[in-house]
Amino acid sequence: MANFPHTLPYIGLNRPVRIEASIRELEVEGTIPPDIRGAFFRAVPDPAHAPMYSDDITLSADGMVSRFLFEDGQVDYDIKYVRTHRYEAERKARRALYGHYRNPYTDDPSVRDPSRPDLRTVANTTPVWHAGRRPSGAPGRRWSGRSGRWPTSR
C-alpha cells in the first residue's frame, strides 16, 4: 500500500487520485445540444507512487490527463496517466524511482542518468496539440479522439 506523506502536496484536495477510468454517457442535468462537438482536456500532477522524499513538491508528480468528449448530445469522460518513460519504469518497479524535482542526483541508482533529463519528465502540465499533432511528442504521432487511443510521450 502506498504510504504518502501527510504534507500539503498529498492531503485534502491535493490527495492523489491514482485511478484511471473511462465513463461513457455521463448523466447530465438538462440536455446537451447535439451540434456541440469537441473535447475539453486538462492535465494535473497526480503521483502514481508515494515519493522517495516526503518533502518533494507537487510538480514532481506523474501527469494525469482527463478528457470530456462532447458528441451527439452525449458526454464521455476519461482520465489516464501519461505513459512517460518515468511512469513506465516506476510502474514496473511498483515504487518511486525518481527523487527530488529537477535533481537527478537523488534518483534511485537503477535509473540515475543526469545526462538524460528527458527520461525524468512527468508530463503533468498543459497538453498541447496542433493540427492533430502533439509538438511535445514524437513527430508524426497523431491523436484522434474517436480512435480511443491516448497520446504518450514516447
C-alpha atoms as a PDB file:
ATOM      1  CA  MET A   1       0.000   0.000   0.000  1.00  0.00           C
ATOM      2  CA  ALA A   2       1.248   3.476  -0.856  1.00  0.00           C
ATOM      3  CA  ASN A   3       2.441   5.488   2.107  1.00  0.00           C
ATOM      4  CA  PHE A   4       2.076   9.114   1.057  1.00  0.00           C
ATOM      5  CA  PRO A   5       3.426  11.779   3.409  1.00  0.00           C
ATOM      6  CA  HIS A   6       0.974  13.880   5.385  1.00  0.00           C
ATOM      7  CA  THR A   7       2.189  17.116   3.830  1.00  0.00           C
ATOM      8  CA  LEU A   8       0.343  19.756   1.802  1.00  0.00           C
ATOM      9  CA  PRO A   9       1.113  18.264  -1.662  1.00  0.00           C
ATOM     10  CA  TYR A  10      -0.549  14.970  -0.657  1.00  0.00           C
ATOM     11  CA  ILE A  11      -3.558  15.812   1.563  1.00  0.00           C
ATOM     12  CA  GLY A  12      -7.019  17.340   1.214  1.00  0.00           C
ATOM     13  CA  LEU A  13      -7.796  18.490  -2.324  1.00  0.00           C
ATOM     14  CA  ASN A  14      -4.232  17.551  -3.286  1.00  0.00           C
ATOM     15  CA  ARG A  15      -4.693  13.926  -2.281  1.00  0.00           C
ATOM     16  CA  PRO A  16      -3.555  11.653  -5.155  1.00  0.00           C
ATOM     17  CA  VAL A  17      -6.395  10.105  -7.160  1.00  0.00           C
ATOM     18  CA  ARG A  18      -4.347   7.239  -8.685  1.00  0.00           C
ATOM     19  CA  ILE A  19      -7.330   5.908 -10.658  1.00  0.00           C
ATOM     20  CA  GLU A  20      -7.654   5.589 -14.422  1.00  0.00           C
ATOM     21  CA  ALA A  21     -11.225   5.391 -15.705  1.00  0.00           C
ATOM     22  CA  SER A  22     -13.472   5.650 -18.736  1.00  0.00           C
ATOM     23  CA  ILE A  23     -17.102   6.541 -18.205  1.00  0.00           C
ATOM     24  CA  ARG A  24     -19.465   6.675 -21.177  1.00  0.00           C
ATOM     25  CA  GLU A  25     -22.673   8.684 -21.430  1.00  0.00           C
ATOM     26  CA  LEU A  26     -22.379  10.687 -18.226  1.00  0.00           C
ATOM     27  CA  GLU A  27     -25.628  11.706 -16.597  1.00  0.00           C
ATOM     28  CA  VAL A  28     -26.306  15.372 -17.244  1.00  0.00           C
ATOM     29  CA  GLU A  29     -28.888  17.818 -15.968  1.00  0.00           C
ATOM     30  CA  GLY A  30     -30.832  19.181 -18.915  1.00  0.00           C
ATOM     31  CA  THR A  31     -29.715  18.491 -22.453  1.00  0.00           C
ATOM     32  CA  ILE A  32     -26.550  18.997 -24.434  1.00  0.00           C
ATOM     33  CA  PRO A  33     -27.320  20.390 -27.891  1.00  0.00           C
ATOM     34  CA  PRO A  34     -26.351  17.757 -30.469  1.00  0.00           C
ATOM     35  CA  ASP A  35     -24.339  20.285 -32.507  1.00  0.00           C
ATOM     36  CA  ILE A  36     -21.859  20.787 -29.647  1.00  0.00           C
ATOM     37  CA  ARG A  37     -18.913  18.588 -30.579  1.00  0.00           C
ATOM     38  CA  GLY A  38     -15.405  18.575 -29.226  1.00  0.00           C
ATOM     39  CA  ALA A  39     -13.290  17.803 -26.215  1.00  0.00           C
ATOM     40  CA  PHE A  40     -12.067  19.563 -23.098  1.00  0.00           C
ATOM     41  CA  PHE A  41      -8.691  18.352 -21.805  1.00  0.00           C
ATOM     42  CA  ARG A  42      -6.866  19.137 -18.602  1.00  0.00           C
ATOM     43  CA  ALA A  43      -3.593  17.919 -17.162  1.00  0.00           C
ATOM     44  CA  VAL A  44      -2.780  17.691 -13.471  1.00  0.00           C
ATOM     45  CA  PRO A  45       0.038  16.274 -11.387  1.00  0.00           C
ATOM     46  CA  ASP A  46      -1.056  13.041  -9.703  1.00  0.00           C
ATOM     47  CA  PRO A  47       1.619  10.750  -8.228  1.00  0.00           C
ATOM     48  CA  ALA A  48       1.116   7.073  -9.000  1.00  0.00           C
ATOM     49  CA  HIS A  49       3.505   6.157  -6.166  1.00  0.00           C
ATOM     50  CA  ALA A  50       4.486   7.682  -2.849  1.00  0.00           C
ATOM     51  CA  PRO A  51       7.527   9.932  -3.336  1.00  0.00           C
ATOM     52  CA  MET A  52      11.039   8.869  -2.364  1.00  0.00           C
ATOM     53  CA  TYR A  53      11.329  12.010  -0.235  1.00  0.00           C
ATOM     54  CA  SER A  54       8.480  13.327   1.903  1.00  0.00           C
ATOM     55  CA  ASP A  55       9.405  16.955   1.200  1.00  0.00           C
ATOM     56  CA  ASP A  56       9.120  16.616  -2.591  1.00  0.00           C
ATOM     57  CA  ILE A  57       6.812  19.038  -4.393  1.00  0.00           C
ATOM     58  CA  THR A  58       3.670  18.596  -6.486  1.00  0.00           C
ATOM     59  CA  LEU A  59       5.455  19.336  -9.766  1.00  0.00           C
ATOM     60  CA  SER A  60       7.377  16.093  -9.367  1.00  0.00           C
ATOM     61  CA  ALA A  61       4.165  14.044  -9.651  1.00  0.00           C
ATOM     62  CA  ASP A  62       3.139  11.968 -12.681  1.00  0.00           C
ATOM     63  CA  GLY A  63       0.987  13.560 -15.360  1.00  0.00           C
ATOM     64  CA  MET A  64      -2.700  12.692 -15.381  1.00  0.00           C
ATOM     65  CA  VAL A  65      -4.830  13.839 -18.326  1.00  0.00           C
ATOM     66  CA  SER A  66      -8.592  13.943 -18.258  1.00  0.00           C
ATOM     67  CA  ARG A  67     -10.939  14.468 -21.175  1.00  0.00           C
ATOM     68  CA  PHE A  68     -14.609  15.329 -21.512  1.00  0.00           C
ATOM     69  CA  LEU A  69     -15.756  14.372 -25.027  1.00  0.00           C
ATOM     70  CA  PHE A  70     -18.962  16.025 -26.304  1.00  0.00           C
ATOM     71  CA  GLU A  71     -20.596  14.269 -29.238  1.00  0.00           C
ATOM     72  CA  ASP A  72     -24.189  13.789 -30.456  1.00  0.00           C
ATOM     73  CA  GLY A  73     -25.732  15.213 -27.279  1.00  0.00           C
ATOM     74  CA  GLN A  74     -23.679  12.880 -25.059  1.00  0.00           C
ATOM     75  CA  VAL A  75     -20.601  13.401 -22.917  1.00  0.00           C
ATOM     76  CA  ASP A  76     -17.947  10.802 -22.103  1.00  0.00           C
ATOM     77  CA  TYR A  77     -15.183  11.128 -19.514  1.00  0.00           C
ATOM     78  CA  ASP A  78     -11.713   9.571 -19.457  1.00  0.00           C
ATOM     79  CA  ILE A  79      -8.793  10.044 -17.073  1.00  0.00           C
ATOM     80  CA  LYS A  80      -5.423   8.375 -17.616  1.00  0.00           C
ATOM     81  CA  TYR A  81      -1.764   8.681 -16.762  1.00  0.00           C
ATOM     82  CA  VAL A  82       0.623   9.926 -19.445  1.00  0.00           C
ATOM     83  CA  ARG A  83       2.829   6.947 -20.276  1.00  0.00           C
ATOM     84  CA  THR A  84       6.249   8.588 -19.902  1.00  0.00           C
ATOM     85  CA  HIS A  85       9.489   6.653 -19.601  1.00  0.00           C
ATOM     86  CA  ARG A  86       9.491   7.591 -15.918  1.00  0.00           C
ATOM     87  CA  TYR A  87       5.907   6.418 -15.336  1.00  0.00           C
ATOM     88  CA  GLU A  88       6.528   3.065 -17.044  1.00  0.00           C
ATOM     89  CA  ALA A  89       9.759   2.416 -15.108  1.00  0.00           C
ATOM     90  CA  GLU A  90       8.095   3.192 -11.776  1.00  0.00           C
ATOM     91  CA  ARG A  91       5.018   1.175 -12.663  1.00  0.00           C
ATOM     92  CA  LYS A  92       7.203  -1.848 -13.370  1.00  0.00           C
ATOM     93  CA  ALA A  93       9.097  -1.333 -10.082  1.00  0.00           C
ATOM     94  CA  ARG A  94       5.843  -0.647  -8.178  1.00  0.00           C
ATOM     95  CA  ARG A  95       7.513   2.273  -6.399  1.00  0.00           C
ATOM     96  CA  ALA A  96       9.007   5.702  -6.978  1.00  0.00           C
ATOM     97  CA  LEU A  97      12.457   5.618  -8.571  1.00  0.00           C
ATOM     98  CA  TYR A  98      12.990   9.307  -9.227  1.00  0.00           C
ATOM     99  CA  GLY A  99      13.968  11.632  -6.409  1.00  0.00           C
ATOM    100  CA  HIS A 100      13.543  15.337  -5.810  1.00  0.00           C
ATOM    101  CA  TYR A 101      12.111  17.589  -8.508  1.00  0.00           C
ATOM    102  CA  ARG A 102      14.807  18.514 -11.056  1.00  0.00           C
ATOM    103  CA  ASN A 103      17.555  16.778  -9.100  1.00  0.00           C
ATOM    104  CA  PRO A 104      18.731  13.629 -10.916  1.00  0.00           C
ATOM    105  CA  TYR A 105      21.364  13.000  -8.249  1.00  0.00           C
ATOM    106  CA  THR A 106      18.599  11.940  -5.845  1.00  0.00           C
ATOM    107  CA  ASP A 107      17.254   9.235  -8.198  1.00  0.00           C
ATOM    108  CA  ASP A 108      17.487   5.533  -7.482  1.00  0.00           C
ATOM    109  CA  PRO A 109      20.791   4.199  -8.912  1.00  0.00           C
ATOM    110  CA  SER A 110      18.846   1.922 -11.278  1.00  0.00           C
ATOM    111  CA  VAL A 111      17.568   4.957 -13.234  1.00  0.00           C
ATOM    112  CA  ARG A 112      20.101   7.697 -12.432  1.00  0.00           C
ATOM    113  CA  ASP A 113      21.358   9.400 -15.590  1.00  0.00           C
ATOM    114  CA  PRO A 114      21.966  13.156 -15.171  1.00  0.00           C
ATOM    115  CA  SER A 115      22.861  13.426 -18.867  1.00  0.00           C
ATOM    116  CA  ARG A 116      19.294  12.405 -19.868  1.00  0.00           C
ATOM    117  CA  PRO A 117      16.843  14.794 -18.179  1.00  0.00           C
ATOM    118  CA  ASP A 118      14.246  13.853 -20.796  1.00  0.00           C
ATOM    119  CA  LEU A 119      13.831  10.472 -19.061  1.00  0.00           C
ATOM    120  CA  ARG A 120      12.700  12.232 -15.870  1.00  0.00           C
ATOM    121  CA  THR A 121       9.780  14.136 -17.426  1.00  0.00           C
ATOM    122  CA  VAL A 122       6.427  13.780 -15.706  1.00  0.00           C
ATOM    123  CA  ALA A 123       4.243  15.426 -18.397  1.00  0.00           C
ATOM    124  CA  ASN A 124       1.957  16.994 -15.798  1.00  0.00           C
ATOM    125  CA  THR A 125       1.331  20.406 -17.316  1.00  0.00           C
ATOM    126  CA  THR A 126      -0.719  21.588 -20.283  1.00  0.00           C
ATOM    127  CA  PRO A 127      -1.263  19.034 -23.061  1.00  0.00           C
ATOM    128  CA  VAL A 128      -0.804  20.741 -26.428  1.00  0.00           C
ATOM    129  CA  TRP A 129      -1.918  19.522 -29.832  1.00  0.00           C
ATOM    130  CA  HIS A 130      -1.829  21.483 -33.041  1.00  0.00           C
ATOM    131  CA  ALA A 131      -3.179  20.321 -36.401  1.00  0.00           C
ATOM    132  CA  GLY A 132      -3.787  16.860 -34.960  1.00  0.00           C
ATOM    133  CA  ARG A 133      -0.220  16.566 -33.706  1.00  0.00           C
ATOM    134  CA  ARG A 134       1.348  16.915 -30.316  1.00  0.00           C
ATOM    135  CA  PRO A 135       4.511  19.000 -30.842  1.00  0.00           C
ATOM    136  CA  SER A 136       5.953  17.955 -27.493  1.00  0.00           C
ATOM    137  CA  GLY A 137       5.918  14.304 -28.538  1.00  0.00           C
ATOM    138  CA  ALA A 138       7.386  12.206 -31.282  1.00  0.00           C
ATOM    139  CA  PRO A 139       6.947  13.630 -34.798  1.00  0.00           C
ATOM    140  CA  GLY A 140       4.181  12.012 -36.760  1.00  0.00           C
ATOM    141  CA  ARG A 141       2.282  10.681 -33.769  1.00  0.00           C
ATOM    142  CA  ARG A 142      -1.344  11.656 -34.094  1.00  0.00           C
ATOM    143  CA  TRP A 143      -4.207  11.889 -31.650  1.00  0.00           C
ATOM    144  CA  SER A 144      -7.719  11.052 -32.684  1.00  0.00           C
ATOM    145  CA  GLY A 145     -10.489  11.474 -30.167  1.00  0.00           C
ATOM    146  CA  ARG A 146     -12.511   8.861 -31.998  1.00  0.00           C
ATOM    147  CA  SER A 147      -9.757   6.230 -32.036  1.00  0.00           C
ATOM    148  CA  GLY A 148      -9.934   5.656 -28.308  1.00  0.00           C
ATOM    149  CA  ARG A 149      -6.135   5.814 -28.165  1.00  0.00           C
ATOM    150  CA  TRP A 150      -4.430   8.258 -25.886  1.00  0.00           C
ATOM    151  CA  PRO A 151      -1.206  10.050 -26.648  1.00  0.00           C
ATOM    152  CA  THR A 152       2.038   9.045 -24.959  1.00  0.00           C
ATOM    153  CA  SER A 153       5.250  10.943 -24.512  1.00  0.00           C
ATOM    154  CA  ARG A 154       7.280   8.349 -26.427  1.00  0.00           C
END
